[in-house]
């Protein structure tokens, strides 16, 4: 599962994930 997490973090996820990242940043 860790590999999946890294992959998601590296690759540009959908708008839902992008919004989360922008919020955190």
N, C-alpha and C. Protein backbone atom coordinates (compact mmCIF):
# COMPACT_ATOMS: atom_id res chain seq x y z
N UNK A 1 0.84 -1.21 0.00
CA UNK A 1 0.00 0.00 0.00
C UNK A 1 0.88 1.26 0.00
N UNK A 2 2.04 1.14 0.61
CA UNK A 2 2.92 2.31 0.66
C UNK A 2 3.31 2.73 -0.77
N UNK A 3 3.58 1.75 -1.60
CA UNK A 3 3.97 2.06 -2.99
C UNK A 3 2.86 2.84 -3.67
N UNK A 4 1.62 2.44 -3.42
CA UNK A 4 0.48 3.13 -4.05
C UNK A 4 0.43 4.58 -3.59
N UNK A 5 0.64 4.78 -2.31
CA UNK A 5 0.60 6.13 -1.75
C UNK A 5 1.65 7.00 -2.44
N UNK A 6 2.85 6.44 -2.58
CA UNK A 6 3.93 7.21 -3.22
C UNK A 6 3.56 7.52 -4.66
N UNK A 7 3.03 6.54 -5.34
CA UNK A 7 2.66 6.73 -6.75
C UNK A 7 1.64 7.86 -6.89
N UNK A 8 0.67 7.86 -6.00
CA UNK A 8 -0.39 8.88 -6.05
C UNK A 8 0.21 10.26 -5.78
N UNK A 9 1.16 10.27 -4.85
CA UNK A 9 1.77 11.56 -4.50
C UNK A 9 2.62 12.09 -5.67
N UNK A 10 3.25 11.17 -6.38
CA UNK A 10 4.12 11.56 -7.49
C UNK A 10 3.29 11.99 -8.70
N UNK A 11 2.30 11.15 -9.02
CA UNK A 11 1.49 11.45 -10.21
C UNK A 11 0.39 12.45 -9.88
N UNK A 12 -0.01 13.26 -10.83
CA UNK A 12 -1.08 14.26 -10.63
C UNK A 12 -2.44 13.59 -10.46
N UNK A 13 -2.90 13.52 -9.24
CA UNK A 13 -4.21 12.88 -9.00
C UNK A 13 -5.34 13.78 -9.50
N UNK A 14 -6.58 13.27 -9.48
CA UNK A 14 -7.75 14.02 -9.94
C UNK A 14 -7.92 15.34 -9.17
N UNK A 15 -8.88 16.14 -9.57
CA UNK A 15 -9.11 17.45 -8.92
C UNK A 15 -9.33 17.28 -7.42
N UNK A 16 -10.03 16.22 -7.04
CA UNK A 16 -10.31 16.00 -5.60
C UNK A 16 -9.00 15.94 -4.83
N UNK A 17 -8.04 15.15 -5.33
CA UNK A 17 -6.75 15.01 -4.63
C UNK A 17 -5.94 16.30 -4.77
N UNK A 18 -6.01 16.92 -5.94
CA UNK A 18 -5.26 18.16 -6.16
C UNK A 18 -5.71 19.23 -5.16
N UNK A 19 -7.02 19.29 -4.92
CA UNK A 19 -7.56 20.29 -3.98
C UNK A 19 -6.98 20.04 -2.59
N UNK A 20 -6.93 18.76 -2.22
CA UNK A 20 -6.40 18.40 -0.90
C UNK A 20 -4.94 18.86 -0.78
N UNK A 21 -4.17 18.61 -1.81
CA UNK A 21 -2.74 18.97 -1.78
C UNK A 21 -2.60 20.50 -1.66
N UNK A 22 -3.37 21.22 -2.44
CA UNK A 22 -3.29 22.69 -2.42
C UNK A 22 -3.65 23.20 -1.01
N UNK A 23 -4.61 22.56 -0.40
CA UNK A 23 -5.04 22.98 0.94
C UNK A 23 -3.89 22.78 1.93
N UNK A 24 -3.27 21.60 1.82
CA UNK A 24 -2.17 21.27 2.75
C UNK A 24 -1.01 22.26 2.53
N UNK A 25 -0.73 22.57 1.26
CA UNK A 25 0.38 23.46 0.93
C UNK A 25 -0.03 24.87 1.20
